[in-house]
Amino acid sequence: MSAYRKRNSTSPIVLVLGILVTVALVLGTCYAVYAHFHAETFDKVTLCPSGGANGQYVVLIDNTSPFPFTQKVALKQRLRDMVLNKVPTGAMLTVFVLGEDFKHNEEPVFEKCSPGQWVDGEGMKKTKKFVDKDFNEKFAKPLEAVVNRIPLDVRGKASPIFEMLQLVSIRGFGHDKAKGAKTLIIYSDMAANTAEFTMYKNPQLNYKDFAKNPYVERVTAPALENASVTINMMATEPSVTPYLKRSEFWAQYFSANKASLDHVDPMEGL
């Protein structure tokens, strides 16, 4: 009798191992269910996370003065570099075009969040091929196609830069639940030219005098607050205020609107 019981008795070690395996399976199942119901979803149109964009990048492309060939190439290359190396996963990229009638350009020509690029270590959830395809076909290539359709050879009678800055800051930085940095990237000669104010034949331009003009009250842009600004400065006509004075003017303008002009990068050929 004792020999029979010995052969059929369960070892305490086996019991403990069995309990541990059962607990592990239960915990694993609970975690999988929790992860499924709490996983962040993404909008099918904008590609943005359900919790809101992780940063806002607004690009303004000036289409009121013709781009020389080299600057067209440089524009596309700089945009490509920005998309590949600077816009983080989940950040919203919104692109506007500046025309001589800013009211006709209130809607962006492109607006999507970056779905992100391949990062080593993601293999448990995704494959590199899938991630690359998603990024290129849903984000990078559609942006490139939109930019390619912008004429960039238009010569407008006016260049309402102030008004467009008001518009893009309201529209571009006003996304619901968006969080993170606000970044404005401009491709323009920054030579404002309207009936109320012009930088043509104005060699002594300075912001102090501009601030005395009643026009300044109509072109404030409070939605620019806390934005980091980069100007990719295009070449312009000789009659326009010189490059350095324009750069100084816009630095003071953005500062007055509680933004910061971090870089003025000359475009090729300037």
C-alpha atoms as a PDB file:
ATOM      1  CA  MET A   1       0.000   0.000   0.000  1.00  0.00           C
ATOM      2  CA  SER A   2       2.733   2.503   0.905  1.00  0.00           C
ATOM      3  CA  ALA A   3       4.587   1.759  -2.350  1.00  0.00           C
ATOM      4  CA  TYR A   4       1.412   2.456  -4.401  1.00  0.00           C
ATOM      5  CA  ARG A   5       0.809   5.778  -2.678  1.00  0.00           C
ATOM      6  CA  LYS A   6       4.383   6.809  -3.221  1.00  0.00           C
ATOM      7  CA  ARG A   7       4.147   6.190  -6.923  1.00  0.00           C
ATOM      8  CA  ASN A   8       0.921   8.232  -7.298  1.00  0.00           C
ATOM      9  CA  SER A   9       1.540  11.087  -4.894  1.00  0.00           C
ATOM     10  CA  THR A  10       2.215  14.565  -6.368  1.00  0.00           C
ATOM     11  CA  SER A  11       5.457  16.246  -5.476  1.00  0.00           C
ATOM     12  CA  PRO A  12       5.108  19.647  -3.725  1.00  0.00           C
ATOM     13  CA  ILE A  13       7.545  21.100  -6.280  1.00  0.00           C
ATOM     14  CA  VAL A  14       5.282  20.038  -9.142  1.00  0.00           C
ATOM     15  CA  LEU A  15       2.288  21.582  -7.386  1.00  0.00           C
ATOM     16  CA  VAL A  16       4.099  24.879  -6.899  1.00  0.00           C
ATOM     17  CA  LEU A  17       5.258  24.924 -10.518  1.00  0.00           C
ATOM     18  CA  GLY A  18       1.728  24.219 -11.679  1.00  0.00           C
ATOM     19  CA  ILE A  19       0.335  27.050  -9.601  1.00  0.00           C
ATOM     20  CA  LEU A  20       2.998  29.441 -10.889  1.00  0.00           C
ATOM     21  CA  VAL A  21       2.273  28.497 -14.502  1.00  0.00           C
ATOM     22  CA  THR A  22      -1.463  28.988 -13.947  1.00  0.00           C
ATOM     23  CA  VAL A  23      -0.933  32.369 -12.325  1.00  0.00           C
ATOM     24  CA  ALA A  24       1.365  33.430 -15.149  1.00  0.00           C
ATOM     25  CA  LEU A  25      -1.218  32.416 -17.750  1.00  0.00           C
ATOM     26  CA  VAL A  26      -3.988  34.291 -15.934  1.00  0.00           C
ATOM     27  CA  LEU A  27      -1.848  37.420 -15.568  1.00  0.00           C
ATOM     28  CA  GLY A  28      -0.783  37.229 -19.199  1.00  0.00           C
ATOM     29  CA  THR A  29      -4.387  36.933 -20.331  1.00  0.00           C
ATOM     30  CA  CYS A  30      -5.442  39.841 -18.115  1.00  0.00           C
ATOM     31  CA  TYR A  31      -2.612  41.990 -19.479  1.00  0.00           C
ATOM     32  CA  ALA A  32      -3.507  41.149 -23.071  1.00  0.00           C
ATOM     33  CA  VAL A  33      -7.153  42.075 -22.476  1.00  0.00           C
ATOM     34  CA  TYR A  34      -6.134  45.289 -20.704  1.00  0.00           C
ATOM     35  CA  ALA A  35      -3.687  46.239 -23.457  1.00  0.00           C
ATOM     36  CA  HIS A  36      -6.308  45.570 -26.127  1.00  0.00           C
ATOM     37  CA  PHE A  37      -8.922  47.839 -24.555  1.00  0.00           C
ATOM     38  CA  HIS A  38      -6.448  50.552 -23.573  1.00  0.00           C
ATOM     39  CA  ALA A  39      -4.311  50.614 -26.723  1.00  0.00           C
ATOM     40  CA  GLU A  40      -4.195  54.044 -28.354  1.00  0.00           C
ATOM     41  CA  THR A  41      -6.184  54.255 -31.550  1.00  0.00           C
ATOM     42  CA  PHE A  42      -5.427  56.429 -34.569  1.00  0.00           C
ATOM     43  CA  ASP A  43      -7.667  58.512 -36.799  1.00  0.00           C
ATOM     44  CA  LYS A  44      -7.854  56.915 -40.247  1.00  0.00           C
ATOM     45  CA  VAL A  45      -7.819  60.270 -42.067  1.00  0.00           C
ATOM     46  CA  THR A  46      -5.358  62.384 -40.079  1.00  0.00           C
ATOM     47  CA  LEU A  47      -3.327  59.433 -38.679  1.00  0.00           C
ATOM     48  CA  CYS A  48      -3.256  61.267 -35.325  1.00  0.00           C
ATOM     49  CA  PRO A  49      -3.325  59.463 -31.958  1.00  0.00           C
ATOM     50  CA  SER A  50      -6.696  59.455 -30.209  1.00  0.00           C
ATOM     51  CA  GLY A  51      -5.121  61.333 -27.315  1.00  0.00           C
ATOM     52  CA  GLY A  52      -4.144  64.256 -29.570  1.00  0.00           C
ATOM     53  CA  ALA A  53      -1.166  65.182 -31.728  1.00  0.00           C
ATOM     54  CA  ASN A  54       2.268  64.951 -30.094  1.00  0.00           C
ATOM     55  CA  GLY A  55       3.439  68.344 -31.319  1.00  0.00           C
ATOM     56  CA  GLN A  56       2.348  70.737 -34.062  1.00  0.00           C
ATOM     57  CA  TYR A  57       4.484  71.606 -37.088  1.00  0.00           C
ATOM     58  CA  VAL A  58       3.130  74.322 -39.383  1.00  0.00           C
ATOM     59  CA  VAL A  59       4.764  75.043 -42.750  1.00  0.00           C
ATOM     60  CA  LEU A  60       4.004  78.218 -44.708  1.00  0.00           C
ATOM     61  CA  ILE A  61       5.166  78.326 -48.334  1.00  0.00           C
ATOM     62  CA  ASP A  62       5.162  81.729 -50.041  1.00  0.00           C
ATOM     63  CA  ASN A  63       3.681  81.504 -53.535  1.00  0.00           C
ATOM     64  CA  THR A  64       3.615  85.240 -54.278  1.00  0.00           C
ATOM     65  CA  SER A  65       7.138  85.480 -55.730  1.00  0.00           C
ATOM     66  CA  PRO A  66       8.706  83.067 -58.229  1.00  0.00           C
ATOM     67  CA  PHE A  67      11.127  80.498 -56.804  1.00  0.00           C
ATOM     68  CA  PRO A  68      14.346  80.211 -58.857  1.00  0.00           C
ATOM     69  CA  PHE A  69      15.049  76.633 -59.970  1.00  0.00           C
ATOM     70  CA  THR A  70      17.717  76.020 -57.320  1.00  0.00           C
ATOM     71  CA  GLN A  71      15.405  77.243 -54.577  1.00  0.00           C
ATOM     72  CA  LYS A  72      12.621  74.937 -55.765  1.00  0.00           C
ATOM     73  CA  VAL A  73      15.029  72.022 -55.440  1.00  0.00           C
ATOM     74  CA  ALA A  74      16.209  73.284 -52.047  1.00  0.00           C
ATOM     75  CA  LEU A  75      12.624  73.661 -50.797  1.00  0.00           C
ATOM     76  CA  LYS A  76      11.775  70.060 -51.628  1.00  0.00           C
ATOM     77  CA  GLN A  77      15.009  68.777 -50.132  1.00  0.00           C
ATOM     78  CA  ARG A  78      14.555  70.724 -46.907  1.00  0.00           C
ATOM     79  CA  LEU A  79      10.968  69.531 -46.557  1.00  0.00           C
ATOM     80  CA  ARG A  80      12.090  65.946 -47.152  1.00  0.00           C
ATOM     81  CA  ASP A  81      14.782  66.285 -44.491  1.00  0.00           C
ATOM     82  CA  MET A  82      12.256  67.746 -42.052  1.00  0.00           C
ATOM     83  CA  VAL A  83       9.822  64.883 -42.599  1.00  0.00           C
ATOM     84  CA  LEU A  84      12.502  62.220 -42.247  1.00  0.00           C
ATOM     85  CA  ASN A  85      14.495  63.671 -39.361  1.00  0.00           C
ATOM     86  CA  LYS A  86      12.567  66.287 -37.419  1.00  0.00           C
ATOM     87  CA  VAL A  87       8.824  65.620 -37.252  1.00  0.00           C
ATOM     88  CA  PRO A  88       8.331  63.133 -34.400  1.00  0.00           C
ATOM     89  CA  THR A  89       5.915  60.220 -34.448  1.00  0.00           C
ATOM     90  CA  GLY A  90       2.380  61.379 -33.790  1.00  0.00           C
ATOM     91  CA  ALA A  91       3.100  65.073 -34.464  1.00  0.00           C
ATOM     92  CA  MET A  92       0.763  67.002 -36.746  1.00  0.00           C
ATOM     93  CA  LEU A  93       2.234  68.516 -39.910  1.00  0.00           C
ATOM     94  CA  THR A  94       0.085  71.232 -41.496  1.00  0.00           C
ATOM     95  CA  VAL A  95       1.107  72.963 -44.745  1.00  0.00           C
ATOM     96  CA  PHE A  96      -0.292  76.281 -45.981  1.00  0.00           C
ATOM     97  CA  VAL A  97       0.397  78.223 -49.169  1.00  0.00           C
ATOM     98  CA  LEU A  98       0.631  82.023 -49.115  1.00  0.00           C
ATOM     99  CA  GLY A  99      -1.193  83.661 -52.016  1.00  0.00           C
ATOM    100  CA  GLU A 100      -1.872  87.302 -52.805  1.00  0.00           C
ATOM    101  CA  ASP A 101      -5.428  86.879 -51.453  1.00  0.00           C
ATOM    102  CA  PHE A 102      -4.944  85.168 -48.107  1.00  0.00           C
ATOM    103  CA  LYS A 103      -8.716  84.581 -47.754  1.00  0.00           C
ATOM    104  CA  HIS A 104      -8.476  82.014 -50.549  1.00  0.00           C
ATOM    105  CA  ASN A 105      -5.735  80.145 -48.713  1.00  0.00           C
ATOM    106  CA  GLU A 106      -7.291  79.614 -45.307  1.00  0.00           C
ATOM    107  CA  GLU A 107      -7.382  75.827 -45.671  1.00  0.00           C
ATOM    108  CA  PRO A 108      -4.150  73.822 -45.523  1.00  0.00           C
ATOM    109  CA  VAL A 109      -3.031  71.895 -48.586  1.00  0.00           C
ATOM    110  CA  PHE A 110      -1.784  69.056 -46.359  1.00  0.00           C
ATOM    111  CA  GLU A 111      -2.591  68.025 -42.799  1.00  0.00           C
ATOM    112  CA  LYS A 112      -1.625  64.699 -41.246  1.00  0.00           C
ATOM    113  CA  CYS A 113       0.201  63.283 -38.266  1.00  0.00           C
ATOM    114  CA  SER A 114       3.404  61.368 -38.859  1.00  0.00           C
ATOM    115  CA  PRO A 115       2.789  57.623 -38.410  1.00  0.00           C
ATOM    116  CA  GLY A 116       6.459  57.236 -37.494  1.00  0.00           C
ATOM    117  CA  GLN A 117       9.409  55.379 -38.961  1.00  0.00           C
ATOM    118  CA  TRP A 118      11.010  52.066 -38.099  1.00  0.00           C
ATOM    119  CA  VAL A 119      12.739  51.880 -34.732  1.00  0.00           C
ATOM    120  CA  ASP A 120      14.898  48.892 -33.778  1.00  0.00           C
ATOM    121  CA  GLY A 121      13.152  46.816 -31.150  1.00  0.00           C
ATOM    122  CA  GLU A 122       9.621  47.157 -32.518  1.00  0.00           C
ATOM    123  CA  GLY A 123       9.722  43.708 -34.050  1.00  0.00           C
ATOM    124  CA  MET A 124       7.353  42.210 -31.476  1.00  0.00           C
ATOM    125  CA  LYS A 125       4.498  44.430 -32.677  1.00  0.00           C
ATOM    126  CA  LYS A 126       5.286  45.398 -36.283  1.00  0.00           C
ATOM    127  CA  THR A 127       7.538  44.613 -39.203  1.00  0.00           C
ATOM    128  CA  LYS A 128       9.937  47.066 -40.827  1.00  0.00           C
ATOM    129  CA  LYS A 129       8.293  46.552 -44.202  1.00  0.00           C
ATOM    130  CA  PHE A 130       4.867  47.447 -42.802  1.00  0.00           C
ATOM    131  CA  VAL A 131       6.139  50.540 -40.943  1.00  0.00           C
ATOM    132  CA  ASP A 132       8.088  51.840 -43.961  1.00  0.00           C
ATOM    133  CA  LYS A 133       5.117  51.316 -46.260  1.00  0.00           C
ATOM    134  CA  ASP A 134       2.751  53.075 -43.853  1.00  0.00           C
ATOM    135  CA  PHE A 135       5.078  56.068 -43.474  1.00  0.00           C
ATOM    136  CA  ASN A 136       5.842  56.462 -47.170  1.00  0.00           C
ATOM    137  CA  GLU A 137       2.419  55.790 -48.689  1.00  0.00           C
ATOM    138  CA  LYS A 138       0.282  57.591 -46.122  1.00  0.00           C
ATOM    139  CA  PHE A 139       2.548  60.491 -45.170  1.00  0.00           C
ATOM    140  CA  ALA A 140       5.805  61.222 -47.013  1.00  0.00           C
ATOM    141  CA  LYS A 141       4.682  60.612 -50.610  1.00  0.00           C
ATOM    142  CA  PRO A 142       1.317  62.431 -50.299  1.00  0.00           C
ATOM    143  CA  LEU A 143       3.158  65.472 -48.909  1.00  0.00           C
ATOM    144  CA  GLU A 144       5.670  65.371 -51.753  1.00  0.00           C
ATOM    145  CA  ALA A 145       2.839  65.163 -54.292  1.00  0.00           C
ATOM    146  CA  VAL A 146       1.116  68.201 -52.774  1.00  0.00           C
ATOM    147  CA  VAL A 147       4.307  70.287 -52.813  1.00  0.00           C
ATOM    148  CA  ASN A 148       4.968  69.302 -56.430  1.00  0.00           C
ATOM    149  CA  ARG A 149       1.570  70.761 -57.392  1.00  0.00           C
ATOM    150  CA  ILE A 150       2.344  74.215 -55.964  1.00  0.00           C
ATOM    151  CA  PRO A 151       3.310  76.402 -58.982  1.00  0.00           C
ATOM    152  CA  LEU A 152       6.130  78.331 -57.239  1.00  0.00           C
ATOM    153  CA  ASP A 153       6.385  80.590 -60.284  1.00  0.00           C
ATOM    154  CA  VAL A 154       3.591  83.043 -59.439  1.00  0.00           C
ATOM    155  CA  ARG A 155       4.225  86.768 -59.106  1.00  0.00           C
ATOM    156  CA  GLY A 156       1.483  88.270 -56.980  1.00  0.00           C
ATOM    157  CA  LYS A 157       0.549  91.925 -56.749  1.00  0.00           C
ATOM    158  CA  ALA A 158       0.478  91.669 -52.973  1.00  0.00           C
ATOM    159  CA  SER A 159       2.138  89.582 -50.273  1.00  0.00           C
ATOM    160  CA  PRO A 160      -0.052  89.583 -47.138  1.00  0.00           C
ATOM    161  CA  ILE A 161       2.447  87.842 -44.878  1.00  0.00           C
ATOM    162  CA  PHE A 162       1.141  89.345 -41.644  1.00  0.00           C
ATOM    163  CA  GLU A 163      -2.425  88.274 -42.360  1.00  0.00           C
ATOM    164  CA  MET A 164      -1.317  84.792 -43.350  1.00  0.00           C
ATOM    165  CA  LEU A 165       0.697  84.440 -40.145  1.00  0.00           C
ATOM    166  CA  GLN A 166      -2.442  85.292 -38.197  1.00  0.00           C
ATOM    167  CA  LEU A 167      -4.431  82.716 -40.127  1.00  0.00           C
ATOM    168  CA  VAL A 168      -1.950  79.838 -40.001  1.00  0.00           C
ATOM    169  CA  SER A 169      -1.273  80.321 -36.308  1.00  0.00           C
ATOM    170  CA  ILE A 170      -4.980  80.100 -35.498  1.00  0.00           C
ATOM    171  CA  ARG A 171      -5.698  77.242 -37.879  1.00  0.00           C
ATOM    172  CA  GLY A 172      -2.394  75.398 -37.663  1.00  0.00           C
ATOM    173  CA  PHE A 173      -1.895  75.519 -33.902  1.00  0.00           C
ATOM    174  CA  GLY A 174      -5.523  75.051 -32.917  1.00  0.00           C
ATOM    175  CA  HIS A 175      -5.840  71.271 -33.023  1.00  0.00           C
ATOM    176  CA  ASP A 176      -8.015  69.707 -30.354  1.00  0.00           C
ATOM    177  CA  LYS A 177      -6.097  67.971 -27.544  1.00  0.00           C
ATOM    178  CA  ALA A 178      -2.747  68.677 -29.234  1.00  0.00           C
ATOM    179  CA  LYS A 179       0.222  68.765 -26.896  1.00  0.00           C
ATOM    180  CA  GLY A 180       3.945  69.321 -27.178  1.00  0.00           C
ATOM    181  CA  ALA A 181       5.996  71.868 -29.092  1.00  0.00           C
ATOM    182  CA  LYS A 182       4.633  74.415 -31.572  1.00  0.00           C
ATOM    183  CA  THR A 183       6.948  74.857 -34.561  1.00  0.00           C
ATOM    184  CA  LEU A 184       6.491  77.229 -37.507  1.00  0.00           C
ATOM    185  CA  ILE A 185       8.644  76.811 -40.627  1.00  0.00           C
ATOM    186  CA  ILE A 186       8.405  79.512 -43.298  1.00  0.00           C
ATOM    187  CA  TYR A 187       9.702  79.506 -46.895  1.00  0.00           C
ATOM    188  CA  SER A 188       9.511  83.100 -48.066  1.00  0.00           C
ATOM    189  CA  ASP A 189      11.414  86.277 -48.866  1.00  0.00           C
ATOM    190  CA  MET A 190       9.427  87.779 -45.937  1.00  0.00           C
ATOM    191  CA  ALA A 191       8.864  90.948 -47.967  1.00  0.00           C
ATOM    192  CA  ALA A 192       5.403  91.985 -46.793  1.00  0.00           C
ATOM    193  CA  ASN A 193       3.580  94.052 -49.394  1.00  0.00           C
ATOM    194  CA  THR A 194       0.012  95.279 -48.937  1.00  0.00           C
ATOM    195  CA  ALA A 195      -1.832  98.564 -49.356  1.00  0.00           C
ATOM    196  CA  GLU A 196      -1.379  99.236 -45.624  1.00  0.00           C
ATOM    197  CA  PHE A 197       2.325  98.418 -45.369  1.00  0.00           C
ATOM    198  CA  THR A 198       5.170  97.453 -47.675  1.00  0.00           C
ATOM    199  CA  MET A 199       8.811  96.456 -47.392  1.00  0.00           C
ATOM    200  CA  TYR A 200       9.500  97.602 -50.953  1.00  0.00           C
ATOM    201  CA  LYS A 201      11.514 100.827 -51.244  1.00  0.00           C
ATOM    202  CA  ASN A 202      11.802 100.876 -47.475  1.00  0.00           C
ATOM    203  CA  PRO A 203      15.552 100.562 -46.788  1.00  0.00           C
ATOM    204  CA  GLN A 204      15.342 102.023 -43.264  1.00  0.00           C
ATOM    205  CA  LEU A 205      12.675  99.597 -42.080  1.00  0.00           C
ATOM    206  CA  ASN A 206      12.641  99.010 -38.336  1.00  0.00           C
ATOM    207  CA  TYR A 207      10.109  97.491 -35.987  1.00  0.00           C
ATOM    208  CA  LYS A 208      10.038 100.497 -33.655  1.00  0.00           C
ATOM    209  CA  ASP A 209       8.556 102.697 -36.391  1.00  0.00           C
ATOM    210  CA  PHE A 210       6.253  99.896 -37.536  1.00  0.00           C
ATOM    211  CA  ALA A 211       4.866  99.563 -33.995  1.00  0.00           C
ATOM    212  CA  LYS A 212       3.576 103.157 -34.248  1.00  0.00           C
ATOM    213  CA  ASN A 213       1.507 102.290 -37.316  1.00  0.00           C
ATOM    214  CA  PRO A 214      -2.181 101.552 -36.543  1.00  0.00           C
ATOM    215  CA  TYR A 215      -1.835  98.584 -38.905  1.00  0.00           C
ATOM    216  CA  VAL A 216       0.193  96.720 -36.272  1.00  0.00           C
ATOM    217  CA  GLU A 217      -2.895  96.325 -34.095  1.00  0.00           C
ATOM    218  CA  ARG A 218      -4.692  94.528 -36.905  1.00  0.00           C
ATOM    219  CA  VAL A 219      -1.876  92.058 -37.569  1.00  0.00           C
ATOM    220  CA  THR A 220      -1.057  90.806 -34.096  1.00  0.00           C
ATOM    221  CA  ALA A 221      -1.034  87.017 -33.875  1.00  0.00           C
ATOM    222  CA  PRO A 222      -1.612  85.857 -30.275  1.00  0.00           C
ATOM    223  CA  ALA A 223      -1.945  82.229 -31.409  1.00  0.00           C
ATOM    224  CA  LEU A 224       1.794  82.297 -32.161  1.00  0.00           C
ATOM    225  CA  GLU A 225       2.546  82.340 -28.432  1.00  0.00           C
ATOM    226  CA  ASN A 226       5.282  79.840 -27.474  1.00  0.00           C
ATOM    227  CA  ALA A 227       5.929  78.906 -31.098  1.00  0.00           C
ATOM    228  CA  SER A 228       9.466  78.303 -32.309  1.00  0.00           C
ATOM    229  CA  VAL A 229       9.975  79.866 -35.742  1.00  0.00           C
ATOM    230  CA  THR A 230      12.425  79.123 -38.554  1.00  0.00           C
ATOM    231  CA  ILE A 231      12.557  81.288 -41.674  1.00  0.00           C
ATOM    232  CA  ASN A 232      14.038  79.836 -44.845  1.00  0.00           C
ATOM    233  CA  MET A 233      14.799  83.179 -46.459  1.00  0.00           C
ATOM    234  CA  MET A 234      14.410  83.372 -50.228  1.00  0.00           C
ATOM    235  CA  ALA A 235      16.085  85.806 -52.566  1.00  0.00           C
ATOM    236  CA  THR A 236      14.088  88.886 -53.494  1.00  0.00           C
ATOM    237  CA  GLU A 237      14.237  92.015 -55.622  1.00  0.00           C
ATOM    238  CA  PRO A 238      16.852  94.733 -54.971  1.00  0.00           C
ATOM    239  CA  SER A 239      14.139  97.256 -54.065  1.00  0.00           C
ATOM    240  CA  VAL A 240      13.145  95.250 -50.974  1.00  0.00           C
ATOM    241  CA  THR A 241      14.500  96.071 -47.507  1.00  0.00           C
ATOM    242  CA  PRO A 242      17.932  94.389 -47.112  1.00  0.00           C
ATOM    243  CA  TYR A 243      18.173  90.841 -45.737  1.00  0.00           C
ATOM    244  CA  LEU A 244      19.649  91.734 -42.330  1.00  0.00           C
ATOM    245  CA  LYS A 245      17.097  94.440 -41.621  1.00  0.00           C
ATOM    246  CA  ARG A 246      14.260  92.127 -42.623  1.00  0.00           C
ATOM    247  CA  SER A 247      15.657  89.426 -40.326  1.00  0.00           C
ATOM    248  CA  GLU A 248      15.871  91.865 -37.410  1.00  0.00           C
ATOM    249  CA  PHE A 249      12.357  93.147 -38.082  1.00  0.00           C
ATOM    250  CA  TRP A 250      10.796  89.697 -38.047  1.00  0.00           C
ATOM    251  CA  ALA A 251      12.700  88.675 -34.931  1.00  0.00           C
ATOM    252  CA  GLN A 252      11.097  91.621 -33.132  1.00  0.00           C
ATOM    253  CA  TYR A 253       7.683  90.911 -34.634  1.00  0.00           C
ATOM    254  CA  PHE A 254       7.683  87.321 -33.383  1.00  0.00           C
ATOM    255  CA  SER A 255       9.006  88.400 -30.006  1.00  0.00           C
ATOM    256  CA  ALA A 256       6.175  90.953 -29.719  1.00  0.00           C
ATOM    257  CA  ASN A 257       3.760  88.094 -30.355  1.00  0.00           C
ATOM    258  CA  LYS A 258       5.417  85.914 -27.678  1.00  0.00           C
ATOM    259  CA  ALA A 259       7.051  83.580 -30.179  1.00  0.00           C
ATOM    260  CA  SER A 260      10.766  83.135 -30.841  1.00  0.00           C
ATOM    261  CA  LEU A 261      12.620  83.374 -34.149  1.00  0.00           C
ATOM    262  CA  ASP A 262      15.189  80.633 -33.641  1.00  0.00           C
ATOM    263  CA  HIS A 263      16.756  80.496 -37.114  1.00  0.00           C
ATOM    264  CA  VAL A 264      16.956  82.484 -40.327  1.00  0.00           C
ATOM    265  CA  ASP A 265      18.422  80.121 -42.891  1.00  0.00           C
ATOM    266  CA  PRO A 266      19.237  81.629 -46.307  1.00  0.00           C
ATOM    267  CA  MET A 267      17.956  79.591 -49.233  1.00  0.00           C
ATOM    268  CA  GLU A 268      20.452  78.598 -51.908  1.00  0.00           C
ATOM    269  CA  GLY A 269      21.073  81.481 -54.279  1.00  0.00           C
ATOM    270  CA  LEU A 270      20.342  84.223 -51.758  1.00  0.00           C
END
